[in-house]
Protein backbone atom coordinates (compact mmCIF):
# COMPACT_ATOMS: atom_id res chain seq x y z
CA MET A 1 -0.27 0.05 -0.02
CA CYS A 2 2.69 2.42 0.87
CA ARG A 3 4.76 1.48 -2.16
CA ARG A 4 1.78 2.27 -4.22
CA ALA A 5 1.05 5.51 -2.46
CA ALA A 6 4.71 6.64 -2.84
CA ALA A 7 4.68 5.87 -6.46
CA ALA A 8 1.45 7.99 -7.08
CA LEU A 9 3.17 10.87 -5.08
CA CYS A 10 6.18 10.86 -7.24
CA VAL A 11 4.27 10.61 -10.45
CA CYS A 12 2.20 13.54 -9.41
CA ALA A 13 5.10 15.51 -8.54
CA LEU A 14 6.97 15.16 -11.53
CA ALA A 15 3.96 15.99 -13.60
CA GLY A 16 3.45 19.11 -11.78
CA ALA A 17 7.02 20.13 -12.00
CA CYS A 18 7.15 19.63 -15.54
CA GLY A 19 4.24 21.47 -16.40
CA CYS A 20 2.31 18.63 -17.54
CA ALA A 21 -0.48 18.13 -15.22
CA GLY A 22 -2.80 19.88 -17.39
CA ALA A 23 -2.57 17.17 -20.18
CA SER A 24 -4.44 14.65 -18.11
CA HIS A 25 -7.76 16.51 -18.39
CA ARG A 26 -10.30 14.72 -20.68
CA ARG A 27 -12.24 16.35 -23.29
CA ALA A 28 -15.84 16.27 -23.15
CA GLN A 29 -17.49 14.19 -25.99
CA PRO A 30 -19.60 16.11 -28.70
CA GLY A 31 -23.19 16.04 -27.45
CA ALA A 32 -22.21 14.95 -23.87
CA ARG A 33 -24.05 16.56 -20.99
CA LEU A 34 -22.06 18.16 -18.56
CA THR A 35 -22.92 18.02 -14.93
CA PRO A 36 -22.23 21.44 -12.98
CA THR A 37 -20.33 21.31 -9.96
CA ALA A 38 -19.38 23.93 -7.42
CA PRO A 39 -15.73 24.73 -6.86
CA ALA A 40 -13.70 23.08 -4.09
CA PHE A 41 -12.64 25.04 -1.37
CA GLY A 42 -9.43 24.78 0.67
CA LEU A 43 -6.81 26.77 2.73
CA THR A 44 -3.37 26.80 4.03
CA GLU A 45 -2.71 26.48 7.53
CA ASP A 46 0.75 25.14 9.27
CA ASN A 47 -0.24 25.92 12.88
CA ALA A 48 -1.43 22.56 14.24
CA GLN A 49 -3.05 24.40 17.46
CA LEU A 50 -5.36 26.21 14.97
CA LEU A 51 -6.11 22.87 12.80
CA ARG A 52 -7.02 20.69 15.55
CA HIS A 53 -10.80 20.04 15.96
CA PRO A 54 -12.33 22.51 18.96
CA GLN A 55 -13.58 19.32 20.79
CA VAL A 56 -10.06 18.03 20.90
CA GLY A 57 -8.43 21.27 22.00
CA GLY A 58 -4.63 21.98 21.42
CA GLY A 59 -2.70 20.35 24.05
CA GLY A 60 -0.39 18.27 21.91
CA SER A 61 -0.61 15.22 19.80
CA GLY A 62 -3.18 12.38 19.78
CA PRO A 63 -7.02 12.17 19.96
CA ALA A 64 -7.33 12.79 23.53
CA ALA A 65 -5.48 16.11 23.72
CA VAL A 66 -6.72 19.05 25.56
CA ASP A 67 -5.58 22.42 26.35
CA PRO A 68 -3.24 22.46 29.43
CA SER A 69 -4.16 24.80 32.40
CA PRO A 70 -3.13 28.19 31.95
CA SER A 71 -0.08 29.53 33.83
CA SER A 72 -1.05 33.24 33.74
CA PRO A 73 -3.78 35.47 32.90
CA ALA A 74 -2.07 36.41 29.54
CA ASP A 75 -1.75 32.48 28.66
CA ALA A 76 -5.44 32.12 29.55
CA VAL A 77 -6.31 35.01 27.19
CA ALA A 78 -4.18 33.25 24.39
CA GLN A 79 -5.98 29.95 24.80
CA GLU A 80 -9.24 31.62 24.50
CA ARG A 81 -8.20 33.47 21.16
CA PHE A 82 -6.80 29.91 19.85
CA ALA A 83 -10.10 28.35 20.82
CA LEU A 84 -12.09 30.82 19.00
CA ALA A 85 -9.91 30.53 16.06
CA ARG A 86 -10.27 26.41 15.81
CA GLN A 87 -14.15 27.06 16.04
CA GLU A 88 -14.02 29.71 13.08
CA LEU A 89 -11.61 27.38 11.11
CA THR A 90 -13.59 24.30 11.59
CA ALA A 91 -16.96 26.32 10.58
CA LEU A 92 -15.28 26.80 6.82
CA HIS A 93 -15.68 23.06 6.26
CA PRO A 94 -12.70 23.29 3.71
CA ASN A 95 -12.58 20.55 1.17
CA TYR A 96 -8.70 20.70 1.15
CA ILE A 97 -5.97 21.60 3.60
CA ARG A 98 -2.83 22.56 2.01
CA LEU A 99 0.23 21.10 4.20
CA LEU A 100 3.45 22.79 3.26
CA ILE A 101 6.58 20.83 3.62
CA ASP A 102 9.97 22.54 3.65
CA TRP A 103 12.49 19.85 2.96
CA ALA A 104 15.45 22.28 3.01
CA ALA A 105 14.60 23.17 6.62
CA LEU A 106 13.51 19.66 7.84
CA GLN A 107 16.76 17.82 6.51
CA PRO A 108 19.73 20.00 6.14
CA ASP A 109 22.10 16.98 6.50
CA PRO A 110 21.67 14.11 4.56
CA ARG A 111 23.11 11.98 7.58
CA ARG A 112 19.86 12.71 9.63
CA PRO A 113 16.26 11.62 8.88
CA PRO A 114 13.97 14.71 8.06
CA ALA A 115 12.65 16.22 11.50
CA LEU A 116 9.08 15.53 10.78
CA GLU A 117 8.58 15.84 14.84
CA GLY A 118 10.84 18.95 15.44
CA ARG A 119 9.44 21.60 17.69
CA ASP A 120 7.87 24.55 16.02
CA SER A 121 7.36 27.82 18.20
CA GLY A 122 4.11 28.31 16.94
CA CYS A 123 4.43 32.01 16.25
CA ALA A 124 3.58 33.89 13.19
CA ARG A 125 6.35 36.02 12.03
CA ALA A 126 7.63 36.09 15.53
CA VAL A 127 4.47 37.80 16.77
CA GLY A 128 2.16 36.25 19.63
CA PRO A 129 0.34 34.70 20.96
CA CYS A 130 2.48 31.47 20.27
CA ALA A 131 1.41 27.80 20.77
CA PRO A 132 4.34 25.29 20.07
CA TYR A 133 3.64 22.09 18.67
CA ALA A 134 5.79 18.98 17.38
CA GLY A 135 5.99 20.15 13.64
CA VAL A 136 4.53 17.91 10.84
CA ARG A 137 3.59 15.28 13.27
CA ASP A 138 0.94 17.58 15.09
CA GLU A 139 -0.08 18.95 11.99
CA LEU A 140 -1.11 15.56 10.69
CA ALA A 141 -2.76 14.44 14.11
CA ALA A 142 -4.51 17.82 14.19
CA ILE A 143 -6.09 17.21 10.60
CA ALA A 144 -6.96 13.52 11.44
CA SER A 145 -9.03 15.07 14.41
CA GLN A 146 -10.87 17.09 11.89
CA GLN A 147 -11.36 14.23 9.47
CA ARG A 148 -12.85 12.41 12.35
CA ALA A 149 -15.14 14.84 13.43
CA ALA A 150 -16.32 15.98 9.73
CA ALA A 151 -19.77 15.99 8.50
CA ALA A 152 -18.81 14.98 5.10
CA SER A 153 -16.23 12.71 3.88
CA ASP A 154 -14.77 15.27 1.23
CA GLU A 155 -13.65 17.69 4.20
CA PHE A 156 -10.19 18.29 5.06
CA GLN A 157 -8.46 16.34 2.38
CA ILE A 158 -4.73 16.82 2.58
CA VAL A 159 -2.73 18.51 -0.34
CA ILE A 160 1.10 18.05 0.46
CA VAL A 161 3.50 20.68 -1.13
CA ILE A 162 6.79 19.76 -0.79
CA PHE A 163 9.24 22.87 -1.67
CA GLY A 164 13.00 23.62 -0.80
CA THR A 165 15.74 21.67 -2.30
CA PRO A 166 18.57 21.12 0.48
CA ALA A 167 22.00 22.15 -0.83
CA TRP A 168 23.05 18.46 -0.57
CA ALA A 169 20.21 17.16 -2.58
CA ALA A 170 20.56 19.78 -5.53
CA GLY A 171 21.81 19.12 -8.93
CA PRO A 172 24.15 21.57 -11.07
CA ALA A 173 22.98 25.00 -11.80
CA ALA A 174 21.13 25.16 -15.02
CA ILE A 175 21.68 27.82 -17.58
CA CYS A 176 18.43 29.43 -17.17
CA GLU A 177 18.81 29.76 -13.58
CA ARG A 178 17.96 33.05 -12.03
CA GLY A 179 20.69 34.70 -10.48
CA GLY A 180 21.31 34.53 -6.66
CA ARG A 181 18.68 31.83 -6.09
CA GLY A 182 21.26 29.54 -4.67
CA THR A 183 20.22 25.89 -4.25
CA PHE A 184 16.95 26.12 -2.74
CA SER A 185 15.07 25.93 -5.95
CA ARG A 186 17.50 23.90 -8.19
CA PRO A 187 16.22 20.45 -9.40
CA LEU A 188 17.34 17.07 -7.76
CA SER A 189 20.68 15.38 -8.28
CA ALA A 190 20.22 11.40 -8.46
CA ALA A 191 20.95 10.88 -4.96
CA GLY A 192 18.51 13.80 -4.16
CA LEU A 193 15.66 11.99 -5.92
CA GLY A 194 16.35 8.90 -3.89
CA ALA A 195 15.98 10.99 -0.68
CA TYR A 196 13.07 12.72 -2.06
CA ARG A 197 11.19 9.29 -2.49
CA ALA A 198 12.45 8.53 0.88
CA LEU A 199 10.81 11.71 2.32
CA ILE A 200 7.47 10.88 0.68
CA ARG A 201 7.38 7.60 2.36
CA SER A 202 8.18 9.00 5.79
CA LEU A 203 5.45 11.37 5.35
CA ILE A 204 3.05 8.53 4.23
CA MET A 205 3.96 6.14 7.38
CA LEU A 206 3.65 9.21 9.74
CA GLY A 207 0.28 9.90 8.27
CA LYS A 208 -0.67 6.42 8.90
CA ARG A 209 0.59 6.51 12.24
CA GLU A 210 -1.42 9.63 13.25
CA GLY A 211 -4.66 8.22 11.55
CA VAL A 212 -4.90 10.70 8.73
CA ALA A 213 -7.36 9.64 5.94
CA LEU A 214 -5.32 9.95 2.77
CA ALA A 215 -6.97 10.74 -0.53
CA THR A 216 -6.75 8.10 -3.45
CA GLY A 217 -3.26 6.57 -3.85
CA GLY A 218 -1.98 8.68 -0.93
CA ALA A 219 -1.92 12.32 0.07
CA GLN A 220 -2.10 14.52 -3.22
CA LEU A 221 1.01 16.27 -3.87
CA GLY A 222 1.10 19.76 -5.72
CA GLY A 223 3.82 20.67 -8.18
CA HIS A 224 6.45 23.39 -7.79
CA ARG A 225 5.49 26.67 -9.30
CA MET A 226 8.05 28.37 -11.74
CA HIS A 227 9.46 30.84 -9.45
CA GLU A 228 10.01 28.23 -6.68
CA LEU A 229 11.97 26.00 -9.49
CA GLY A 230 14.37 29.07 -9.89
CA ILE A 231 13.55 28.95 -13.70
CA GLN A 232 13.81 32.23 -15.61
CA GLY A 233 11.02 33.28 -17.50
CA ARG A 234 11.00 34.12 -21.12
């Protein structure tokens, strides 16, 4: 199952990065009757304490997590603000949640695995209130709590976007590369591609451990945009 999911993720990533994703759309047959559909709605949020379902709280990973007792009046106010924000986010009932994976930040050293459970301060641009959480692990656990409580099965589906090439995984600079971009946006080397596949497998296994319901063939993976690839436009 994990091997099939990883293969689906890799295929989707390559299609998005090469700009070939649009070629898969089928043309309607002449005379065919089209069924109108509403546009899908999604959002991007990487703070696990905001993503968690209100009935679960924000006290850490796991289905039984609850908010800890406030240690000060300011802490109590911050908890109230986070609780209100969780209710407002949940009330949106998004079809999709985009989960951003900064590979360069998570795995700067190839001798160490990606820090998918690394502590995040939970501060938005160093501005409080802050609510620390355990990185990607808590993000997946929070989304799982939303999926379990969702009224419809098409809510809170995960779209994973991996960006940021670690220096050790980058290939040589291309002729059309923008100046001053460094290795962050370069295509992968052969060794980097193998590590990229390993990262995808790690994400799938962590999602399974945290009880996240993945889309068909695994979590969907969004392709890089042109400016993220460091390709100079013409």
